[in-house]
Amino acid sequence: MHEKAFFFYEDIGKPAGDFATSLTDLCSKINTVTPTSLSFHLKRGDFENWIKNAMDDSELSNRITKLKKAKATWKSDAILRKKLYAVVRDRVAELQDLWRHALTWPEGVVA
């Protein structure tokens, strides 16, 4: 799973020492990595690229692109963290809900 992991950096050549291996993992790491790292990756488009290419989720990638373009996102480190966390958390919840429905037998079907 490490071959698809997202490795956090604070700058080019300056690893933050943490990584995420799934969208759920990314969601929790957003609350623990430094604001410098979040800002670095958001500005460069790293989150969108990893989510689209490694996690195969164009929908979330597009949502993060919109978040990045919103001026309100950049008002403070705390706002950036809160908004990024909310976008990823909401998408994870959507995907979990979709999986729950996909794995539930419709009424009247005999298993």
PDB file of N, CA and C in Angstrom:
ATOM      1  N   MET A   1       0.820  -1.205   0.000  1.00  0.00           N
ATOM      2  CA  MET A   1       0.000   0.000   0.000  1.00  0.00           C
ATOM      3  C   MET A   1       0.856   1.259   0.000  1.00  0.00           C
ATOM      4  N   HIS A   2       2.101   1.163   0.424  1.00  0.00           N
ATOM      5  CA  HIS A   2       2.966   2.346   0.471  1.00  0.00           C
ATOM      6  C   HIS A   2       3.280   2.891  -0.923  1.00  0.00           C
ATOM      7  N   GLU A   3       3.162   2.053  -1.960  1.00  0.00           N
ATOM      8  CA  GLU A   3       3.450   2.553  -3.300  1.00  0.00           C
ATOM      9  C   GLU A   3       2.423   3.591  -3.747  1.00  0.00           C
ATOM     10  N   LYS A   4       1.249   3.609  -3.127  1.00  0.00           N
ATOM     11  CA  LYS A   4       0.226   4.607  -3.445  1.00  0.00           C
ATOM     12  C   LYS A   4       0.081   5.645  -2.333  1.00  0.00           C
ATOM     13  N   ALA A   5       0.957   5.633  -1.371  1.00  0.00           N
ATOM     14  CA  ALA A   5       0.842   6.538  -0.224  1.00  0.00           C
ATOM     15  C   ALA A   5       1.119   7.986  -0.634  1.00  0.00           C
ATOM     16  N   PHE A   6       0.493   8.892   0.109  1.00  0.00           N
ATOM     17  CA  PHE A   6       0.755  10.323  -0.043  1.00  0.00           C
ATOM     18  C   PHE A   6       1.733  10.716   1.052  1.00  0.00           C
ATOM     19  N   PHE A   7       2.891  11.201   0.676  1.00  0.00           N
ATOM     20  CA  PHE A   7       3.904  11.606   1.643  1.00  0.00           C
ATOM     21  C   PHE A   7       3.869  13.120   1.815  1.00  0.00           C
ATOM     22  N   PHE A   8       3.718  13.543   3.055  1.00  0.00           N
ATOM     23  CA  PHE A   8       3.637  14.969   3.364  1.00  0.00           C
ATOM     24  C   PHE A   8       5.028  15.597   3.398  1.00  0.00           C
ATOM     25  N   TYR A   9       5.106  16.789   2.828  1.00  0.00           N
ATOM     26  CA  TYR A   9       6.325  17.604   2.835  1.00  0.00           C
ATOM     27  C   TYR A   9       5.953  18.994   3.319  1.00  0.00           C
ATOM     28  N   GLU A  10       6.942  19.703   3.837  1.00  0.00           N
ATOM     29  CA  GLU A  10       6.731  21.100   4.215  1.00  0.00           C
ATOM     30  C   GLU A  10       7.264  22.030   3.134  1.00  0.00           C
ATOM     31  N   ASP A  11       8.148  21.493   2.307  1.00  0.00           N
ATOM     32  CA  ASP A  11       8.725  22.216   1.180  1.00  0.00           C
ATOM     33  C   ASP A  11       9.454  21.186   0.323  1.00  0.00           C
ATOM     34  N   ILE A  12       9.933  21.596  -0.823  1.00  0.00           N
ATOM     35  CA  ILE A  12      10.679  20.680  -1.680  1.00  0.00           C
ATOM     36  C   ILE A  12      11.924  20.229  -0.932  1.00  0.00           C
ATOM     37  N   GLY A  13      12.115  18.916  -0.843  1.00  0.00           N
ATOM     38  CA  GLY A  13      13.266  18.354  -0.143  1.00  0.00           C
ATOM     39  C   GLY A  13      13.156  18.372   1.367  1.00  0.00           C
ATOM     40  N   LYS A  14      11.976  18.720   1.900  1.00  0.00           N
ATOM     41  CA  LYS A  14      11.793  18.809   3.348  1.00  0.00           C
ATOM     42  C   LYS A  14      10.584  17.971   3.784  1.00  0.00           C
ATOM     43  N   PRO A  15      10.794  16.643   3.934  1.00  0.00           N
ATOM     44  CA  PRO A  15       9.690  15.772   4.335  1.00  0.00           C
ATOM     45  C   PRO A  15       9.171  16.110   5.731  1.00  0.00           C
ATOM     46  N   ALA A  16       7.859  15.988   5.889  1.00  0.00           N
ATOM     47  CA  ALA A  16       7.225  16.262   7.183  1.00  0.00           C
ATOM     48  C   ALA A  16       7.236  15.026   8.082  1.00  0.00           C
ATOM     49  N   GLY A  17       7.569  13.871   7.506  1.00  0.00           N
ATOM     50  CA  GLY A  17       7.672  12.654   8.313  1.00  0.00           C
ATOM     51  C   GLY A  17       6.358  11.921   8.509  1.00  0.00           C
ATOM     52  N   ASP A  18       5.366  12.199   7.665  1.00  0.00           N
ATOM     53  CA  ASP A  18       4.089  11.512   7.796  1.00  0.00           C
ATOM     54  C   ASP A  18       3.563  11.184   6.405  1.00  0.00           C
ATOM     55  N   PHE A  19       2.626  10.241   6.348  1.00  0.00           N
ATOM     56  CA  PHE A  19       2.042   9.860   5.068  1.00  0.00           C
ATOM     57  C   PHE A  19       0.628   9.343   5.296  1.00  0.00           C
ATOM     58  N   ALA A  20      -0.146   9.278   4.203  1.00  0.00           N
ATOM     59  CA  ALA A  20      -1.507   8.747   4.241  1.00  0.00           C
ATOM     60  C   ALA A  20      -1.619   7.656   3.186  1.00  0.00           C
ATOM     61  N   THR A  21      -2.371   6.606   3.498  1.00  0.00           N
ATOM     62  CA  THR A  21      -2.503   5.486   2.568  1.00  0.00           C
ATOM     63  C   THR A  21      -3.927   5.319   2.032  1.00  0.00           C
ATOM     64  N   SER A  22      -4.856   6.153   2.481  1.00  0.00           N
ATOM     65  CA  SER A  22      -6.244   6.078   2.030  1.00  0.00           C
ATOM     66  C   SER A  22      -6.896   7.445   2.246  1.00  0.00           C
ATOM     67  N   LEU A  23      -8.101   7.600   1.728  1.00  0.00           N
ATOM     68  CA  LEU A  23      -8.815   8.862   1.950  1.00  0.00           C
ATOM     69  C   LEU A  23      -9.161   9.040   3.423  1.00  0.00           C
ATOM     70  N   THR A  24      -9.523   7.960   4.085  1.00  0.00           N
ATOM     71  CA  THR A  24      -9.825   8.028   5.524  1.00  0.00           C
ATOM     72  C   THR A  24      -8.577   8.433   6.304  1.00  0.00           C
ATOM     73  N   ASP A  25      -7.460   7.857   5.930  1.00  0.00           N
ATOM     74  CA  ASP A  25      -6.179   8.191   6.569  1.00  0.00           C
ATOM     75  C   ASP A  25      -5.821   9.657   6.299  1.00  0.00           C
ATOM     76  N   LEU A  26      -6.001  10.098   5.060  1.00  0.00           N
ATOM     77  CA  LEU A  26      -5.733  11.501   4.724  1.00  0.00           C
ATOM     78  C   LEU A  26      -6.588  12.422   5.581  1.00  0.00           C
ATOM     79  N   CYS A  27      -7.843  12.065   5.733  1.00  0.00           N
ATOM     80  CA  CYS A  27      -8.764  12.877   6.529  1.00  0.00           C
ATOM     81  C   CYS A  27      -8.234  13.073   7.950  1.00  0.00           C
ATOM     82  N   SER A  28      -7.793  12.003   8.572  1.00  0.00           N
ATOM     83  CA  SER A  28      -7.284  12.135   9.946  1.00  0.00           C
ATOM     84  C   SER A  28      -5.949  12.880   9.989  1.00  0.00           C
ATOM     85  N   LYS A  29      -5.107  12.693   8.979  1.00  0.00           N
ATOM     86  CA  LYS A  29      -3.793  13.351   8.970  1.00  0.00           C
ATOM     87  C   LYS A  29      -3.922  14.856   8.749  1.00  0.00           C
ATOM     88  N   ILE A  30      -4.985  15.292   8.091  1.00  0.00           N
ATOM     89  CA  ILE A  30      -5.201  16.732   7.885  1.00  0.00           C
ATOM     90  C   ILE A  30      -5.229  17.453   9.227  1.00  0.00           C
ATOM     91  N   ASN A  31      -5.695  16.779  10.256  1.00  0.00           N
ATOM     92  CA  ASN A  31      -5.766  17.392  11.587  1.00  0.00           C
ATOM     93  C   ASN A  31      -4.459  17.330  12.365  1.00  0.00           C
ATOM     94  N   THR A  32      -3.465  16.607  11.853  1.00  0.00           N
ATOM     95  CA  THR A  32      -2.227  16.455  12.624  1.00  0.00           C
ATOM     96  C   THR A  32      -0.980  17.012  11.942  1.00  0.00           C
ATOM     97  N   VAL A  33      -0.973  17.074  10.610  1.00  0.00           N
ATOM     98  CA  VAL A  33       0.228  17.606   9.949  1.00  0.00           C
ATOM     99  C   VAL A  33       0.273  19.121  10.102  1.00  0.00           C
ATOM    100  N   THR A  34       1.418  19.689   9.867  1.00  0.00           N
ATOM    101  CA  THR A  34       1.589  21.135  10.056  1.00  0.00           C
ATOM    102  C   THR A  34       0.803  21.923   9.010  1.00  0.00           C
ATOM    103  N   PRO A  35       0.374  23.122   9.376  1.00  0.00           N
ATOM    104  CA  PRO A  35      -0.292  23.995   8.404  1.00  0.00           C
ATOM    105  C   PRO A  35       0.614  24.288   7.202  1.00  0.00           C
ATOM    106  N   THR A  36       1.917  24.363   7.439  1.00  0.00           N
ATOM    107  CA  THR A  36       2.876  24.601   6.360  1.00  0.00           C
ATOM    108  C   THR A  36       2.776  23.502   5.312  1.00  0.00           C
ATOM    109  N   SER A  37       2.666  22.263   5.767  1.00  0.00           N
ATOM    110  CA  SER A  37       2.560  21.126   4.857  1.00  0.00           C
ATOM    111  C   SER A  37       1.244  21.162   4.083  1.00  0.00           C
ATOM    112  N   LEU A  38       0.152  21.442   4.767  1.00  0.00           N
ATOM    113  CA  LEU A  38      -1.156  21.511   4.096  1.00  0.00           C
ATOM    114  C   LEU A  38      -1.150  22.584   3.016  1.00  0.00           C
ATOM    115  N   SER A  39      -0.646  23.743   3.355  1.00  0.00           N
ATOM    116  CA  SER A  39      -0.593  24.861   2.422  1.00  0.00           C
ATOM    117  C   SER A  39       0.311  24.536   1.230  1.00  0.00           C
ATOM    118  N   PHE A  40       1.462  23.963   1.505  1.00  0.00           N
ATOM    119  CA  PHE A  40       2.420  23.584   0.464  1.00  0.00           C
ATOM    120  C   PHE A  40       1.759  22.672  -0.571  1.00  0.00           C
ATOM    121  N   HIS A  41       1.099  21.626  -0.095  1.00  0.00           N
ATOM    122  CA  HIS A  41       0.498  20.648  -1.000  1.00  0.00           C
ATOM    123  C   HIS A  41      -0.748  21.189  -1.699  1.00  0.00           C
ATOM    124  N   LEU A  42      -1.529  21.994  -1.010  1.00  0.00           N
ATOM    125  CA  LEU A  42      -2.731  22.546  -1.621  1.00  0.00           C
ATOM    126  C   LEU A  42      -2.356  23.505  -2.752  1.00  0.00           C
ATOM    127  N   LYS A  43      -1.375  24.357  -2.511  1.00  0.00           N
ATOM    128  CA  LYS A  43      -0.941  25.319  -3.530  1.00  0.00           C
ATOM    129  C   LYS A  43      -0.399  24.620  -4.773  1.00  0.00           C
ATOM    130  N   ARG A  44       0.312  23.522  -4.577  1.00  0.00           N
ATOM    131  CA  ARG A  44       0.943  22.801  -5.695  1.00  0.00           C
ATOM    132  C   ARG A  44      -0.007  21.871  -6.442  1.00  0.00           C
ATOM    133  N   GLY A  45      -1.184  21.603  -5.864  1.00  0.00           N
ATOM    134  CA  GLY A  45      -2.107  20.677  -6.495  1.00  0.00           C
ATOM    135  C   GLY A  45      -1.809  19.219  -6.187  1.00  0.00           C
ATOM    136  N   ASP A  46      -0.978  18.989  -5.177  1.00  0.00           N
ATOM    137  CA  ASP A  46      -0.582  17.617  -4.839  1.00  0.00           C
ATOM    138  C   ASP A  46      -1.748  16.764  -4.346  1.00  0.00           C
ATOM    139  N   PHE A  47      -2.620  17.354  -3.524  1.00  0.00           N
ATOM    140  CA  PHE A  47      -3.757  16.584  -3.007  1.00  0.00           C
ATOM    141  C   PHE A  47      -4.657  16.140  -4.171  1.00  0.00           C
ATOM    142  N   GLU A  48      -4.988  17.080  -5.059  1.00  0.00           N
ATOM    143  CA  GLU A  48      -5.849  16.751  -6.192  1.00  0.00           C
ATOM    144  C   GLU A  48      -5.240  15.642  -7.056  1.00  0.00           C
ATOM    145  N   ASN A  49      -3.953  15.778  -7.348  1.00  0.00           N
ATOM    146  CA  ASN A  49      -3.288  14.788  -8.198  1.00  0.00           C
ATOM    147  C   ASN A  49      -3.276  13.407  -7.561  1.00  0.00           C
ATOM    148  N   TRP A  50      -2.939  13.329  -6.286  1.00  0.00           N
ATOM    149  CA  TRP A  50      -2.895  12.035  -5.597  1.00  0.00           C
ATOM    150  C   TRP A  50      -4.288  11.425  -5.521  1.00  0.00           C
ATOM    151  N   ILE A  51      -5.277  12.233  -5.175  1.00  0.00           N
ATOM    152  CA  ILE A  51      -6.644  11.724  -5.035  1.00  0.00           C
ATOM    153  C   ILE A  51      -7.175  11.232  -6.380  1.00  0.00           C
ATOM    154  N   LYS A  52      -6.889  11.977  -7.428  1.00  0.00           N
ATOM    155  CA  LYS A  52      -7.369  11.596  -8.757  1.00  0.00           C
ATOM    156  C   LYS A  52      -6.632  10.364  -9.287  1.00  0.00           C
ATOM    157  N   ASN A  53      -5.316  10.357  -9.181  1.00  0.00           N
ATOM    158  CA  ASN A  53      -4.521   9.304  -9.799  1.00  0.00           C
ATOM    159  C   ASN A  53      -4.327   8.061  -8.938  1.00  0.00           C
ATOM    160  N   ALA A  54      -4.023   8.233  -7.671  1.00  0.00           N
ATOM    161  CA  ALA A  54      -3.771   7.073  -6.807  1.00  0.00           C
ATOM    162  C   ALA A  54      -5.046   6.527  -6.182  1.00  0.00           C
ATOM    163  N   MET A  55      -5.983   7.422  -5.852  1.00  0.00           N
ATOM    164  CA  MET A  55      -7.222   6.991  -5.205  1.00  0.00           C
ATOM    165  C   MET A  55      -8.391   6.884  -6.185  1.00  0.00           C
ATOM    166  N   ASP A  56      -8.176   7.327  -7.418  1.00  0.00           N
ATOM    167  CA  ASP A  56      -9.175   7.226  -8.492  1.00  0.00           C
ATOM    168  C   ASP A  56     -10.500   7.899  -8.119  1.00  0.00           C
ATOM    169  N   ASP A  57     -10.399   9.109  -7.565  1.00  0.00           N
ATOM    170  CA  ASP A  57     -11.600   9.849  -7.158  1.00  0.00           C
ATOM    171  C   ASP A  57     -11.562  11.255  -7.756  1.00  0.00           C
ATOM    172  N   SER A  58     -12.069  11.364  -8.979  1.00  0.00           N
ATOM    173  CA  SER A  58     -12.092  12.665  -9.664  1.00  0.00           C
ATOM    174  C   SER A  58     -13.021  13.652  -8.977  1.00  0.00           C
ATOM    175  N   GLU A  59     -14.100  13.156  -8.390  1.00  0.00           N
ATOM    176  CA  GLU A  59     -15.066  14.027  -7.716  1.00  0.00           C
ATOM    177  C   GLU A  59     -14.398  14.798  -6.571  1.00  0.00           C
ATOM    178  N   LEU A  60     -13.704  14.096  -5.698  1.00  0.00           N
ATOM    179  CA  LEU A  60     -13.027  14.758  -4.578  1.00  0.00           C
ATOM    180  C   LEU A  60     -11.902  15.647  -5.083  1.00  0.00           C
ATOM    181  N   SER A  61     -11.193  15.199  -6.090  1.00  0.00           N
ATOM    182  CA  SER A  61     -10.133  16.018  -6.681  1.00  0.00           C
ATOM    183  C   SER A  61     -10.691  17.360  -7.156  1.00  0.00           C
ATOM    184  N   ASN A  62     -11.837  17.325  -7.826  1.00  0.00           N
ATOM    185  CA  ASN A  62     -12.471  18.561  -8.304  1.00  0.00           C
ATOM    186  C   ASN A  62     -12.915  19.454  -7.151  1.00  0.00           C
ATOM    187  N   ARG A  63     -13.421  18.856  -6.089  1.00  0.00           N
ATOM    188  CA  ARG A  63     -13.854  19.642  -4.926  1.00  0.00           C
ATOM    189  C   ARG A  63     -12.668  20.353  -4.279  1.00  0.00           C
ATOM    190  N   ILE A  64     -11.544  19.697  -4.228  1.00  0.00           N
ATOM    191  CA  ILE A  64     -10.354  20.313  -3.630  1.00  0.00           C
ATOM    192  C   ILE A  64      -9.835  21.435  -4.531  1.00  0.00           C
ATOM    193  N   THR A  65      -9.930  21.252  -5.832  1.00  0.00           N
ATOM    194  CA  THR A  65      -9.545  22.321  -6.757  1.00  0.00           C
ATOM    195  C   THR A  65     -10.397  23.563  -6.511  1.00  0.00           C
ATOM    196  N   LYS A  66     -11.704  23.386  -6.330  1.00  0.00           N
ATOM    197  CA  LYS A  66     -12.596  24.517  -6.040  1.00  0.00           C
ATOM    198  C   LYS A  66     -12.230  25.164  -4.707  1.00  0.00           C
ATOM    199  N   LEU A  67     -11.942  24.346  -3.713  1.00  0.00           N
ATOM    200  CA  LEU A  67     -11.545  24.845  -2.393  1.00  0.00           C
ATOM    201  C   LEU A  67     -10.286  25.704  -2.516  1.00  0.00           C
ATOM    202  N   LYS A  68      -9.322  25.225  -3.280  1.00  0.00           N
ATOM    203  CA  LYS A  68      -8.059  25.928  -3.463  1.00  0.00           C
ATOM    204  C   LYS A  68      -8.274  27.302  -4.090  1.00  0.00           C
ATOM    205  N   LYS A  69      -9.241  27.408  -4.993  1.00  0.00           N
ATOM    206  CA  LYS A  69      -9.497  28.662  -5.702  1.00  0.00           C
ATOM    207  C   LYS A  69     -10.292  29.671  -4.875  1.00  0.00           C
ATOM    208  N   ALA A  70     -10.931  29.215  -3.799  1.00  0.00           N
ATOM    209  CA  ALA A  70     -11.743  30.115  -2.964  1.00  0.00           C
ATOM    210  C   ALA A  70     -10.850  30.960  -2.059  1.00  0.00           C
ATOM    211  N   LYS A  71     -10.996  32.267  -2.127  1.00  0.00           N
ATOM    212  CA  LYS A  71     -10.171  33.168  -1.315  1.00  0.00           C
ATOM    213  C   LYS A  71     -10.329  32.907   0.180  1.00  0.00           C
ATOM    214  N   ALA A  72     -11.539  32.552   0.602  1.00  0.00           N
ATOM    215  CA  ALA A  72     -11.805  32.329   2.029  1.00  0.00           C
ATOM    216  C   ALA A  72     -10.938  31.209   2.610  1.00  0.00           C
ATOM    217  N   THR A  73     -10.542  30.263   1.774  1.00  0.00           N
ATOM    218  CA  THR A  73      -9.715  29.139   2.226  1.00  0.00           C
ATOM    219  C   THR A  73      -8.391  29.620   2.806  1.00  0.00           C
ATOM    220  N   TRP A  74      -7.870  30.690   2.274  1.00  0.00           N
ATOM    221  CA  TRP A  74      -6.517  31.138   2.602  1.00  0.00           C
ATOM    222  C   TRP A  74      -6.462  32.208   3.694  1.00  0.00           C
ATOM    223  N   LYS A  75      -7.582  32.476   4.383  1.00  0.00           N
ATOM    224  CA  LYS A  75      -7.611  33.532   5.402  1.00  0.00           C
ATOM    225  C   LYS A  75      -6.705  33.236   6.595  1.00  0.00           C
ATOM    226  N   SER A  76      -6.617  31.966   6.967  1.00  0.00           N
ATOM    227  CA  SER A  76      -5.735  31.584   8.078  1.00  0.00           C
ATOM    228  C   SER A  76      -5.431  30.093   7.972  1.00  0.00           C
ATOM    229  N   ASP A  77      -4.408  29.666   8.699  1.00  0.00           N
ATOM    230  CA  ASP A  77      -4.056  28.240   8.732  1.00  0.00           C
ATOM    231  C   ASP A  77      -5.208  27.404   9.275  1.00  0.00           C
ATOM    232  N   ALA A  78      -5.882  27.937  10.286  1.00  0.00           N
ATOM    233  CA  ALA A  78      -6.985  27.196  10.914  1.00  0.00           C
ATOM    234  C   ALA A  78      -8.147  27.021   9.943  1.00  0.00           C
ATOM    235  N   ILE A  79      -8.444  28.041   9.174  1.00  0.00           N
ATOM    236  CA  ILE A  79      -9.535  27.956   8.202  1.00  0.00           C
ATOM    237  C   ILE A  79      -9.174  26.975   7.091  1.00  0.00           C
ATOM    238  N   LEU A  80      -7.948  27.054   6.601  1.00  0.00           N
ATOM    239  CA  LEU A  80      -7.505  26.126   5.564  1.00  0.00           C
ATOM    240  C   LEU A  80      -7.660  24.680   6.046  1.00  0.00           C
ATOM    241  N   ARG A  81      -7.173  24.399   7.239  1.00  0.00           N
ATOM    242  CA  ARG A  81      -7.261  23.048   7.804  1.00  0.00           C
ATOM    243  C   ARG A  81      -8.726  22.614   7.945  1.00  0.00           C
ATOM    244  N   LYS A  82      -9.558  23.499   8.489  1.00  0.00           N
ATOM    245  CA  LYS A  82     -10.968  23.176   8.722  1.00  0.00           C
ATOM    246  C   LYS A  82     -11.697  22.891   7.415  1.00  0.00           C
ATOM    247  N   LYS A  83     -11.481  23.729   6.402  1.00  0.00           N
ATOM    248  CA  LYS A  83     -12.168  23.571   5.126  1.00  0.00           C
ATOM    249  C   LYS A  83     -11.686  22.327   4.376  1.00  0.00           C
ATOM    250  N   LEU A  84     -10.382  22.086   4.375  1.00  0.00           N
ATOM    251  CA  LEU A  84      -9.844  20.900   3.713  1.00  0.00           C
ATOM    252  C   LEU A  84     -10.345  19.631   4.396  1.00  0.00           C
ATOM    253  N   TYR A  85     -10.325  19.631   5.715  1.00  0.00           N
ATOM    254  CA  TYR A  85     -10.828  18.487   6.476  1.00  0.00           C
ATOM    255  C   TYR A  85     -12.300  18.222   6.143  1.00  0.00           C
ATOM    256  N   ALA A  86     -13.112  19.271   6.108  1.00  0.00           N
ATOM    257  CA  ALA A  86     -14.549  19.112   5.854  1.00  0.00           C
ATOM    258  C   ALA A  86     -14.814  18.522   4.469  1.00  0.00           C
ATOM    259  N   VAL A  87     -14.077  18.983   3.464  1.00  0.00           N
ATOM    260  CA  VAL A  87     -14.270  18.471   2.105  1.00  0.00           C
ATOM    261  C   VAL A  87     -13.930  16.984   2.037  1.00  0.00           C
ATOM    262  N   VAL A  88     -12.803  16.603   2.623  1.00  0.00           N
ATOM    263  CA  VAL A  88     -12.387  15.194   2.580  1.00  0.00           C
ATOM    264  C   VAL A  88     -13.316  14.344   3.448  1.00  0.00           C
ATOM    265  N   ARG A  89     -13.644  14.814   4.642  1.00  0.00           N
ATOM    266  CA  ARG A  89     -14.542  14.073   5.543  1.00  0.00           C
ATOM    267  C   ARG A  89     -15.898  13.822   4.895  1.00  0.00           C
ATOM    268  N   ASP A  90     -16.458  14.845   4.259  1.00  0.00           N
ATOM    269  CA  ASP A  90     -17.763  14.699   3.627  1.00  0.00           C
ATOM    270  C   ASP A  90     -17.719  13.686   2.485  1.00  0.00           C
ATOM    271  N   ARG A  91     -16.643  13.695   1.718  1.00  0.00           N
ATOM    272  CA  ARG A  91     -16.520  12.742   0.611  1.00  0.00           C
ATOM    273  C   ARG A  91     -16.350  11.321   1.142  1.00  0.00           C
ATOM    274  N   VAL A  92     -15.565  11.149   2.178  1.00  0.00           N
ATOM    275  CA  VAL A  92     -15.394   9.826   2.790  1.00  0.00           C
ATOM    276  C   VAL A  92     -16.747   9.306   3.271  1.00  0.00           C
ATOM    277  N   ALA A  93     -17.532  10.170   3.902  1.00  0.00           N
ATOM    278  CA  ALA A  93     -18.867   9.771   4.376  1.00  0.00           C
ATOM    279  C   ALA A  93     -19.763   9.374   3.201  1.00  0.00           C
ATOM    280  N   GLU A  94     -19.710  10.128   2.106  1.00  0.00           N
ATOM    281  CA  GLU A  94     -20.494   9.790   0.910  1.00  0.00           C
ATOM    282  C   GLU A  94     -20.107   8.418   0.378  1.00  0.00           C
ATOM    283  N   LEU A  95     -18.808   8.179   0.278  1.00  0.00           N
ATOM    284  CA  LEU A  95     -18.335   6.904  -0.255  1.00  0.00           C
ATOM    285  C   LEU A  95     -18.710   5.744   0.663  1.00  0.00           C
ATOM    286  N   GLN A  96     -18.608   5.960   1.968  1.00  0.00           N
ATOM    287  CA  GLN A  96     -19.004   4.914   2.919  1.00  0.00           C
ATOM    288  C   GLN A  96     -20.486   4.608   2.782  1.00  0.00           C
ATOM    289  N   ASP A  97     -21.302   5.642   2.594  1.00  0.00           N
ATOM    290  CA  ASP A  97     -22.737   5.460   2.423  1.00  0.00           C
ATOM    291  C   ASP A  97     -23.033   4.689   1.132  1.00  0.00           C
ATOM    292  N   LEU A  98     -22.333   5.045   0.051  1.00  0.00           N
ATOM    293  CA  LEU A  98     -22.512   4.329  -1.214  1.00  0.00           C
ATOM    294  C   LEU A  98     -22.166   2.849  -1.063  1.00  0.00           C
ATOM    295  N   TRP A  99     -21.073   2.564  -0.370  1.00  0.00           N
ATOM    296  CA  TRP A  99     -20.675   1.170  -0.162  1.00  0.00           C
ATOM    297  C   TRP A  99     -21.699   0.429   0.684  1.00  0.00           C
ATOM    298  N   ARG A 100     -22.229   1.078   1.707  1.00  0.00           N
ATOM    299  CA  ARG A 100     -23.246   0.442   2.549  1.00  0.00           C
ATOM    300  C   ARG A 100     -24.448   0.039   1.708  1.00  0.00           C
ATOM    301  N   HIS A 101     -24.882   0.946   0.827  1.00  0.00           N
ATOM    302  CA  HIS A 101     -26.032   0.662  -0.029  1.00  0.00           C
ATOM    303  C   HIS A 101     -25.706  -0.417  -1.058  1.00  0.00           C
ATOM    304  N   ALA A 102     -24.496  -0.393  -1.573  1.00  0.00           N
ATOM    305  CA  ALA A 102     -24.091  -1.377  -2.581  1.00  0.00           C
ATOM    306  C   ALA A 102     -24.019  -2.780  -1.989  1.00  0.00           C
ATOM    307  N   LEU A 103     -23.729  -2.872  -0.710  1.00  0.00           N
ATOM    308  CA  LEU A 103     -23.576  -4.172  -0.052  1.00  0.00           C
ATOM    309  C   LEU A 103     -24.834  -4.640   0.652  1.00  0.00           C
ATOM    310  N   THR A 104     -25.923  -3.911   0.510  1.00  0.00           N
ATOM    311  CA  THR A 104     -27.188  -4.265   1.147  1.00  0.00           C
ATOM    312  C   THR A 104     -28.097  -4.920   0.118  1.00  0.00           C
ATOM    313  N   TRP A 105     -28.633  -6.069   0.474  1.00  0.00           N
ATOM    314  CA  TRP A 105     -29.583  -6.742  -0.424  1.00  0.00           C
ATOM    315  C   TRP A 105     -30.873  -5.948  -0.484  1.00  0.00           C
ATOM    316  N   PRO A 106     -31.432  -5.763  -1.685  1.00  0.00           N
ATOM    317  CA  PRO A 106     -32.729  -5.091  -1.780  1.00  0.00           C
ATOM    318  C   PRO A 106     -33.809  -5.958  -1.131  1.00  0.00           C
ATOM    319  N   GLU A 107     -34.863  -5.330  -0.670  1.00  0.00           N
ATOM    320  CA  GLU A 107     -35.959  -6.085  -0.055  1.00  0.00           C
ATOM    321  C   GLU A 107     -36.542  -7.062  -1.060  1.00  0.00           C
ATOM    322  N   GLY A 108     -36.886  -8.252  -0.572  1.00  0.00           N
ATOM    323  CA  GLY A 108     -37.503  -9.255  -1.424  1.00  0.00           C
ATOM    324  C   GLY A 108     -36.510 -10.172  -2.122  1.00  0.00           C
ATOM    325  N   VAL A 109     -35.240  -9.848  -2.037  1.00  0.00           N
ATOM    326  CA  VAL A 109     -34.234 -10.722  -2.647  1.00  0.00           C
ATOM    327  C   VAL A 109     -33.817 -11.756  -1.619  1.00  0.00           C
ATOM    328  N   VAL A 110     -33.835 -13.003  -2.016  1.00  0.00           N
ATOM    329  CA  VAL A 110     -33.440 -14.065  -1.114  1.00  0.00           C
ATOM    330  C   VAL A 110     -31.954 -14.342  -1.321  1.00  0.00           C
ATOM    331  N   ALA A 111     -31.226 -14.262  -0.247  1.00  0.00           N
ATOM    332  CA  ALA A 111     -29.787 -14.490  -0.342  1.00  0.00           C
ATOM    333  C   ALA A 111     -29.459 -15.946  -0.224  1.00  0.00           C
TER     334      ALA A 111
END
